[in-house]
Amino acid sequence: MPICFTIVRHSKRSYTSDCHTFPINVHGHVSTNSTTYRTSVTITCDTGYNLNGNSTSICESNGHWSSIGQTCSLVGKEFGD
């Protein structure tokens, strides 16, 4: 009777601890106390502008924000109106 073996390899993951400055466009603002792993940022827009995209983003273990690309559009001009 054949005997089967399973070989399991463990790898060490290196976590980046900083996502650096959150990218936001004109008329947008970011509120946060930090840019390190698990930190949350809140994205808002100037008065008269609407936020397109998520209003929060979290710094992930890979050093990237969970959600980017938010924009602020003039009220009444959202998404190419």
PDB file of N, CA and C in Angstrom:
ATOM      1  N   MET A   1       0.841  -1.162   0.000  1.00  0.00           N
ATOM      2  CA  MET A   1       0.000   0.000   0.000  1.00  0.00           C
ATOM      3  C   MET A   1       0.900   1.242   0.000  1.00  0.00           C
ATOM      4  N   PRO A   2       0.674   2.200  -0.941  1.00  0.00           N
ATOM      5  CA  PRO A   2       1.498   3.404  -0.995  1.00  0.00           C
ATOM      6  C   PRO A   2       1.203   4.329   0.185  1.00  0.00           C
ATOM      7  N   ILE A   3       2.218   5.057   0.593  1.00  0.00           N
ATOM      8  CA  ILE A   3       2.081   6.027   1.671  1.00  0.00           C
ATOM      9  C   ILE A   3       2.214   7.417   1.056  1.00  0.00           C
ATOM     10  N   CYS A   4       1.301   8.298   1.409  1.00  0.00           N
ATOM     11  CA  CYS A   4       1.316   9.671   0.882  1.00  0.00           C
ATOM     12  C   CYS A   4       1.767  10.627   1.970  1.00  0.00           C
ATOM     13  N   PHE A   5       2.568  11.597   1.557  1.00  0.00           N
ATOM     14  CA  PHE A   5       3.036  12.636   2.469  1.00  0.00           C
ATOM     15  C   PHE A   5       2.629  13.992   1.901  1.00  0.00           C
ATOM     16  N   THR A   6       2.289  14.889   2.780  1.00  0.00           N
ATOM     17  CA  THR A   6       2.001  16.261   2.381  1.00  0.00           C
ATOM     18  C   THR A   6       3.092  17.148   2.940  1.00  0.00           C
ATOM     19  N   ILE A   7       3.676  17.940   2.073  1.00  0.00           N
ATOM     20  CA  ILE A   7       4.719  18.870   2.495  1.00  0.00           C
ATOM     21  C   ILE A   7       4.099  20.260   2.563  1.00  0.00           C
ATOM     22  N   VAL A   8       4.216  20.869   3.705  1.00  0.00           N
ATOM     23  CA  VAL A   8       3.662  22.205   3.908  1.00  0.00           C
ATOM     24  C   VAL A   8       4.821  23.165   4.132  1.00  0.00           C
ATOM     25  N   ARG A   9       4.828  24.227   3.359  1.00  0.00           N
ATOM     26  CA  ARG A   9       5.863  25.248   3.519  1.00  0.00           C
ATOM     27  C   ARG A   9       5.222  26.490   4.128  1.00  0.00           C
ATOM     28  N   HIS A  10       5.890  27.029   5.077  1.00  0.00           N
ATOM     29  CA  HIS A  10       5.426  28.260   5.712  1.00  0.00           C
ATOM     30  C   HIS A  10       6.308  29.398   5.234  1.00  0.00           C
ATOM     31  N   SER A  11       5.667  30.479   4.906  1.00  0.00           N
ATOM     32  CA  SER A  11       6.444  31.640   4.474  1.00  0.00           C
ATOM     33  C   SER A  11       6.235  32.781   5.453  1.00  0.00           C
ATOM     34  N   LYS A  12       7.264  33.562   5.628  1.00  0.00           N
ATOM     35  CA  LYS A  12       7.156  34.736   6.475  1.00  0.00           C
ATOM     36  C   LYS A  12       6.660  35.886   5.619  1.00  0.00           C
ATOM     37  N   ARG A  13       5.643  36.568   6.094  1.00  0.00           N
ATOM     38  CA  ARG A  13       5.136  37.732   5.388  1.00  0.00           C
ATOM     39  C   ARG A  13       5.675  38.983   6.032  1.00  0.00           C
ATOM     40  N   SER A  14       6.071  39.881   5.193  1.00  0.00           N
ATOM     41  CA  SER A  14       6.540  41.166   5.674  1.00  0.00           C
ATOM     42  C   SER A  14       5.408  42.176   5.502  1.00  0.00           C
ATOM     43  N   TYR A  15       5.021  42.814   6.574  1.00  0.00           N
ATOM     44  CA  TYR A  15       3.943  43.795   6.510  1.00  0.00           C
ATOM     45  C   TYR A  15       4.527  45.194   6.500  1.00  0.00           C
ATOM     46  N   THR A  16       4.081  45.980   5.548  1.00  0.00           N
ATOM     47  CA  THR A  16       4.461  47.383   5.502  1.00  0.00           C
ATOM     48  C   THR A  16       3.610  48.098   6.537  1.00  0.00           C
ATOM     49  N   SER A  17       4.219  48.896   7.329  1.00  0.00           N
ATOM     50  CA  SER A  17       3.481  49.517   8.420  1.00  0.00           C
ATOM     51  C   SER A  17       2.941  50.906   8.087  1.00  0.00           C
ATOM     52  N   ASP A  18       3.208  51.420   6.900  1.00  0.00           N
ATOM     53  CA  ASP A  18       2.770  52.773   6.564  1.00  0.00           C
ATOM     54  C   ASP A  18       2.243  52.856   5.139  1.00  0.00           C
ATOM     55  N   CYS A  19       1.063  53.450   4.984  1.00  0.00           N
ATOM     56  CA  CYS A  19       0.456  53.636   3.654  1.00  0.00           C
ATOM     57  C   CYS A  19       0.798  54.995   3.054  1.00  0.00           C
ATOM     58  N   HIS A  20       1.426  55.842   3.811  1.00  0.00           N
ATOM     59  CA  HIS A  20       1.816  57.188   3.379  1.00  0.00           C
ATOM     60  C   HIS A  20       0.582  58.048   3.128  1.00  0.00           C
ATOM     61  N   THR A  21       0.778  59.214   2.614  1.00  0.00           N
ATOM     62  CA  THR A  21      -0.304  60.179   2.425  1.00  0.00           C
ATOM     63  C   THR A  21      -1.403  59.621   1.530  1.00  0.00           C
ATOM     64  N   PHE A  22      -2.653  59.816   1.950  1.00  0.00           N
ATOM     65  CA  PHE A  22      -3.789  59.345   1.156  1.00  0.00           C
ATOM     66  C   PHE A  22      -3.974  60.267  -0.046  1.00  0.00           C
ATOM     67  N   PRO A  23      -4.109  59.683  -1.261  1.00  0.00           N
ATOM     68  CA  PRO A  23      -4.262  60.516  -2.459  1.00  0.00           C
ATOM     69  C   PRO A  23      -5.700  61.047  -2.604  1.00  0.00           C
ATOM     70  N   ILE A  24      -5.846  62.339  -2.675  1.00  0.00           N
ATOM     71  CA  ILE A  24      -7.178  62.935  -2.862  1.00  0.00           C
ATOM     72  C   ILE A  24      -7.052  64.083  -3.859  1.00  0.00           C
ATOM     73  N   ASN A  25      -8.119  64.304  -4.606  1.00  0.00           N
ATOM     74  CA  ASN A  25      -8.060  65.324  -5.651  1.00  0.00           C
ATOM     75  C   ASN A  25      -8.511  66.686  -5.137  1.00  0.00           C
ATOM     76  N   VAL A  26      -8.622  67.624  -6.048  1.00  0.00           N
ATOM     77  CA  VAL A  26      -9.071  68.985  -5.757  1.00  0.00           C
ATOM     78  C   VAL A  26     -10.444  68.951  -5.096  1.00  0.00           C
ATOM     79  N   HIS A  27     -10.669  69.824  -4.148  1.00  0.00           N
ATOM     80  CA  HIS A  27     -11.916  69.980  -3.401  1.00  0.00           C
ATOM     81  C   HIS A  27     -12.171  68.850  -2.411  1.00  0.00           C
ATOM     82  N   GLY A  28     -11.185  67.971  -2.203  1.00  0.00           N
ATOM     83  CA  GLY A  28     -11.325  66.888  -1.236  1.00  0.00           C
ATOM     84  C   GLY A  28     -10.414  67.072  -0.040  1.00  0.00           C
ATOM     85  N   HIS A  29     -10.820  66.466   1.082  1.00  0.00           N
ATOM     86  CA  HIS A  29     -10.053  66.564   2.323  1.00  0.00           C
ATOM     87  C   HIS A  29     -10.022  65.201   2.997  1.00  0.00           C
ATOM     88  N   VAL A  30      -8.928  64.929   3.695  1.00  0.00           N
ATOM     89  CA  VAL A  30      -8.758  63.660   4.397  1.00  0.00           C
ATOM     90  C   VAL A  30      -8.520  63.949   5.871  1.00  0.00           C
ATOM     91  N   SER A  31      -9.262  63.258   6.725  1.00  0.00           N
ATOM     92  CA  SER A  31      -9.083  63.391   8.172  1.00  0.00           C
ATOM     93  C   SER A  31      -8.512  62.103   8.725  1.00  0.00           C
ATOM     94  N   THR A  32      -7.354  62.202   9.369  1.00  0.00           N
ATOM     95  CA  THR A  32      -6.726  61.057  10.024  1.00  0.00           C
ATOM     96  C   THR A  32      -5.646  61.552  10.967  1.00  0.00           C
ATOM     97  N   ASN A  33      -5.297  60.707  11.915  1.00  0.00           N
ATOM     98  CA  ASN A  33      -4.200  61.032  12.826  1.00  0.00           C
ATOM     99  C   ASN A  33      -2.930  60.306  12.447  1.00  0.00           C
ATOM    100  N   SER A  34      -3.037  59.346  11.510  1.00  0.00           N
ATOM    101  CA  SER A  34      -1.900  58.499  11.190  1.00  0.00           C
ATOM    102  C   SER A  34      -2.084  57.882   9.807  1.00  0.00           C
ATOM    103  N   THR A  35      -1.026  57.279   9.285  1.00  0.00           N
ATOM    104  CA  THR A  35      -1.108  56.551   8.008  1.00  0.00           C
ATOM    105  C   THR A  35      -0.557  55.139   8.166  1.00  0.00           C
ATOM    106  N   THR A  36      -0.570  54.636   9.398  1.00  0.00           N
ATOM    107  CA  THR A  36      -0.024  53.311   9.662  1.00  0.00           C
ATOM    108  C   THR A  36      -1.083  52.215   9.534  1.00  0.00           C
ATOM    109  N   TYR A  37      -0.630  50.974   9.504  1.00  0.00           N
ATOM    110  CA  TYR A  37      -1.472  49.786   9.361  1.00  0.00           C
ATOM    111  C   TYR A  37      -2.696  49.848  10.277  1.00  0.00           C
ATOM    112  N   ARG A  38      -3.865  49.585   9.688  1.00  0.00           N
ATOM    113  CA  ARG A  38      -5.183  49.555  10.344  1.00  0.00           C
ATOM    114  C   ARG A  38      -5.755  50.930  10.663  1.00  0.00           C
ATOM    115  N   THR A  39      -5.071  51.998  10.260  1.00  0.00           N
ATOM    116  CA  THR A  39      -5.603  53.339  10.466  1.00  0.00           C
ATOM    117  C   THR A  39      -6.693  53.618   9.440  1.00  0.00           C
ATOM    118  N   SER A  40      -7.732  54.292   9.880  1.00  0.00           N
ATOM    119  CA  SER A  40      -8.833  54.659   8.996  1.00  0.00           C
ATOM    120  C   SER A  40      -8.742  56.145   8.667  1.00  0.00           C
ATOM    121  N   VAL A  41      -9.058  56.489   7.416  1.00  0.00           N
ATOM    122  CA  VAL A  41      -9.162  57.893   7.025  1.00  0.00           C
ATOM    123  C   VAL A  41     -10.602  58.168   6.615  1.00  0.00           C
ATOM    124  N   THR A  42     -11.026  59.406   6.812  1.00  0.00           N
ATOM    125  CA  THR A  42     -12.352  59.848   6.390  1.00  0.00           C
ATOM    126  C   THR A  42     -12.168  60.890   5.304  1.00  0.00           C
ATOM    127  N   ILE A  43     -12.867  60.694   4.191  1.00  0.00           N
ATOM    128  CA  ILE A  43     -12.745  61.589   3.044  1.00  0.00           C
ATOM    129  C   ILE A  43     -14.011  62.439   2.948  1.00  0.00           C
ATOM    130  N   THR A  44     -13.842  63.745   2.820  1.00  0.00           N
ATOM    131  CA  THR A  44     -14.964  64.663   2.654  1.00  0.00           C
ATOM    132  C   THR A  44     -14.661  65.621   1.513  1.00  0.00           C
ATOM    133  N   CYS A  45     -15.690  66.339   1.090  1.00  0.00           N
ATOM    134  CA  CYS A  45     -15.540  67.321   0.013  1.00  0.00           C
ATOM    135  C   CYS A  45     -15.948  68.706   0.490  1.00  0.00           C
ATOM    136  N   ASP A  46     -15.457  69.721  -0.231  1.00  0.00           N
ATOM    137  CA  ASP A  46     -15.857  71.096   0.049  1.00  0.00           C
ATOM    138  C   ASP A  46     -17.365  71.242  -0.076  1.00  0.00           C
ATOM    139  N   THR A  47     -17.907  72.264   0.558  1.00  0.00           N
ATOM    140  CA  THR A  47     -19.324  72.599   0.423  1.00  0.00           C
ATOM    141  C   THR A  47     -19.642  72.844  -1.047  1.00  0.00           C
ATOM    142  N   GLY A  48     -20.738  72.273  -1.513  1.00  0.00           N
ATOM    143  CA  GLY A  48     -21.131  72.417  -2.908  1.00  0.00           C
ATOM    144  C   GLY A  48     -20.595  71.310  -3.798  1.00  0.00           C
ATOM    145  N   TYR A  49     -19.894  70.344  -3.197  1.00  0.00           N
ATOM    146  CA  TYR A  49     -19.332  69.211  -3.934  1.00  0.00           C
ATOM    147  C   TYR A  49     -19.794  67.903  -3.301  1.00  0.00           C
ATOM    148  N   ASN A  50     -20.038  66.916  -4.126  1.00  0.00           N
ATOM    149  CA  ASN A  50     -20.422  65.583  -3.656  1.00  0.00           C
ATOM    150  C   ASN A  50     -19.260  64.614  -3.811  1.00  0.00           C
ATOM    151  N   LEU A  51     -19.154  63.704  -2.849  1.00  0.00           N
ATOM    152  CA  LEU A  51     -18.114  62.681  -2.892  1.00  0.00           C
ATOM    153  C   LEU A  51     -18.552  61.524  -3.785  1.00  0.00           C
ATOM    154  N   ASN A  52     -17.682  61.138  -4.705  1.00  0.00           N
ATOM    155  CA  ASN A  52     -17.895  59.960  -5.543  1.00  0.00           C
ATOM    156  C   ASN A  52     -16.928  58.885  -5.058  1.00  0.00           C
ATOM    157  N   GLY A  53     -17.458  57.820  -4.501  1.00  0.00           N
ATOM    158  CA  GLY A  53     -16.622  56.756  -3.947  1.00  0.00           C
ATOM    159  C   GLY A  53     -16.836  56.622  -2.449  1.00  0.00           C
ATOM    160  N   ASN A  54     -16.046  55.758  -1.841  1.00  0.00           N
ATOM    161  CA  ASN A  54     -16.169  55.483  -0.413  1.00  0.00           C
ATOM    162  C   ASN A  54     -15.719  56.666   0.426  1.00  0.00           C
ATOM    163  N   SER A  55     -16.399  56.883   1.538  1.00  0.00           N
ATOM    164  CA  SER A  55     -16.040  57.990   2.428  1.00  0.00           C
ATOM    165  C   SER A  55     -14.975  57.590   3.451  1.00  0.00           C
ATOM    166  N   THR A  56     -14.615  56.301   3.487  1.00  0.00           N
ATOM    167  CA  THR A  56     -13.545  55.853   4.376  1.00  0.00           C
ATOM    168  C   THR A  56     -12.605  54.910   3.634  1.00  0.00           C
ATOM    169  N   SER A  57     -11.404  54.810   4.141  1.00  0.00           N
ATOM    170  CA  SER A  57     -10.414  53.886   3.610  1.00  0.00           C
ATOM    171  C   SER A  57      -9.520  53.454   4.768  1.00  0.00           C
ATOM    172  N   ILE A  58      -9.020  52.236   4.725  1.00  0.00           N
ATOM    173  CA  ILE A  58      -8.206  51.684   5.800  1.00  0.00           C
ATOM    174  C   ILE A  58      -6.836  51.300   5.258  1.00  0.00           C
ATOM    175  N   CYS A  59      -5.799  51.595   6.020  1.00  0.00           N
ATOM    176  CA  CYS A  59      -4.439  51.214   5.645  1.00  0.00           C
ATOM    177  C   CYS A  59      -4.292  49.706   5.851  1.00  0.00           C
ATOM    178  N   GLU A  60      -4.015  49.000   4.768  1.00  0.00           N
ATOM    179  CA  GLU A  60      -3.905  47.549   4.815  1.00  0.00           C
ATOM    180  C   GLU A  60      -2.469  47.103   5.089  1.00  0.00           C
ATOM    181  N   SER A  61      -2.309  45.839   5.411  1.00  0.00           N
ATOM    182  CA  SER A  61      -0.996  45.288   5.778  1.00  0.00           C
ATOM    183  C   SER A  61       0.019  45.338   4.642  1.00  0.00           C
ATOM    184  N   ASN A  62      -0.460  45.467   3.395  1.00  0.00           N
ATOM    185  CA  ASN A  62       0.454  45.525   2.253  1.00  0.00           C
ATOM    186  C   ASN A  62       0.949  46.944   1.959  1.00  0.00           C
ATOM    187  N   GLY A  63       0.541  47.906   2.792  1.00  0.00           N
ATOM    188  CA  GLY A  63       0.985  49.280   2.603  1.00  0.00           C
ATOM    189  C   GLY A  63       0.154  50.072   1.614  1.00  0.00           C
ATOM    190  N   HIS A  64      -1.032  49.569   1.275  1.00  0.00           N
ATOM    191  CA  HIS A  64      -1.934  50.258   0.349  1.00  0.00           C
ATOM    192  C   HIS A  64      -3.243  50.584   1.059  1.00  0.00           C
ATOM    193  N   TRP A  65      -3.887  51.652   0.609  1.00  0.00           N
ATOM    194  CA  TRP A  65      -5.203  52.001   1.142  1.00  0.00           C
ATOM    195  C   TRP A  65      -6.251  51.066   0.554  1.00  0.00           C
ATOM    196  N   SER A  66      -7.274  50.716   1.337  1.00  0.00           N
ATOM    197  CA  SER A  66      -8.299  49.762   0.898  1.00  0.00           C
ATOM    198  C   SER A  66      -9.173  50.323  -0.214  1.00  0.00           C
ATOM    199  N   SER A  67      -9.297  51.617  -0.291  1.00  0.00           N
ATOM    200  CA  SER A  67     -10.132  52.250  -1.305  1.00  0.00           C
ATOM    201  C   SER A  67      -9.502  53.581  -1.691  1.00  0.00           C
ATOM    202  N   ILE A  68      -9.218  53.760  -2.973  1.00  0.00           N
ATOM    203  CA  ILE A  68      -8.689  55.034  -3.462  1.00  0.00           C
ATOM    204  C   ILE A  68      -9.456  55.438  -4.721  1.00  0.00           C
ATOM    205  N   GLY A  69      -9.182  56.591  -5.216  1.00  0.00           N
ATOM    206  CA  GLY A  69      -9.819  57.056  -6.450  1.00  0.00           C
ATOM    207  C   GLY A  69     -11.044  57.915  -6.217  1.00  0.00           C
ATOM    208  N   GLN A  70     -11.306  58.286  -4.963  1.00  0.00           N
ATOM    209  CA  GLN A  70     -12.450  59.135  -4.689  1.00  0.00           C
ATOM    210  C   GLN A  70     -12.265  60.482  -5.363  1.00  0.00           C
ATOM    211  N   THR A  71     -13.384  61.053  -5.807  1.00  0.00           N
ATOM    212  CA  THR A  71     -13.357  62.377  -6.421  1.00  0.00           C
ATOM    213  C   THR A  71     -14.472  63.222  -5.829  1.00  0.00           C
ATOM    214  N   CYS A  72     -14.354  64.506  -5.982  1.00  0.00           N
ATOM    215  CA  CYS A  72     -15.365  65.451  -5.540  1.00  0.00           C
ATOM    216  C   CYS A  72     -15.910  66.168  -6.767  1.00  0.00           C
ATOM    217  N   SER A  73     -17.207  66.028  -6.991  1.00  0.00           N
ATOM    218  CA  SER A  73     -17.850  66.652  -8.151  1.00  0.00           C
ATOM    219  C   SER A  73     -18.768  67.784  -7.713  1.00  0.00           C
ATOM    220  N   LEU A  74     -18.762  68.844  -8.492  1.00  0.00           N
ATOM    221  CA  LEU A  74     -19.648  69.960  -8.252  1.00  0.00           C
ATOM    222  C   LEU A  74     -21.078  69.447  -8.260  1.00  0.00           C
ATOM    223  N   VAL A  75     -21.875  69.858  -7.290  1.00  0.00           N
ATOM    224  CA  VAL A  75     -23.271  69.402  -7.198  1.00  0.00           C
ATOM    225  C   VAL A  75     -23.965  69.682  -8.529  1.00  0.00           C
ATOM    226  N   GLY A  76     -24.640  68.678  -9.062  1.00  0.00           N
ATOM    227  CA  GLY A  76     -25.311  68.779 -10.348  1.00  0.00           C
ATOM    228  C   GLY A  76     -24.432  68.378 -11.521  1.00  0.00           C
ATOM    229  N   LYS A  77     -23.147  68.091 -11.274  1.00  0.00           N
ATOM    230  CA  LYS A  77     -22.209  67.704 -12.340  1.00  0.00           C
ATOM    231  C   LYS A  77     -21.588  66.344 -12.074  1.00  0.00           C
ATOM    232  N   GLU A  78     -22.276  65.462 -11.328  1.00  0.00           N
ATOM    233  CA  GLU A  78     -21.728  64.159 -10.981  1.00  0.00           C
ATOM    234  C   GLU A  78     -21.624  63.266 -12.208  1.00  0.00           C
ATOM    235  N   PHE A  79     -20.528  62.580 -12.329  1.00  0.00           N
ATOM    236  CA  PHE A  79     -20.308  61.562 -13.351  1.00  0.00           C
ATOM    237  C   PHE A  79     -20.642  62.042 -14.754  1.00  0.00           C
ATOM    238  N   GLY A  80     -20.159  63.212 -15.130  1.00  0.00           N
ATOM    239  CA  GLY A  80     -20.283  63.679 -16.504  1.00  0.00           C
ATOM    240  C   GLY A  80     -21.599  64.313 -16.871  1.00  0.00           C
ATOM    241  N   ASP A  81     -22.393  64.724 -15.863  1.00  0.00           N
ATOM    242  CA  ASP A  81     -23.669  65.394 -16.178  1.00  0.00           C
ATOM    243  C   ASP A  81     -23.439  66.650 -16.966  1.00  0.00           C
TER     244      ASP A  81
END
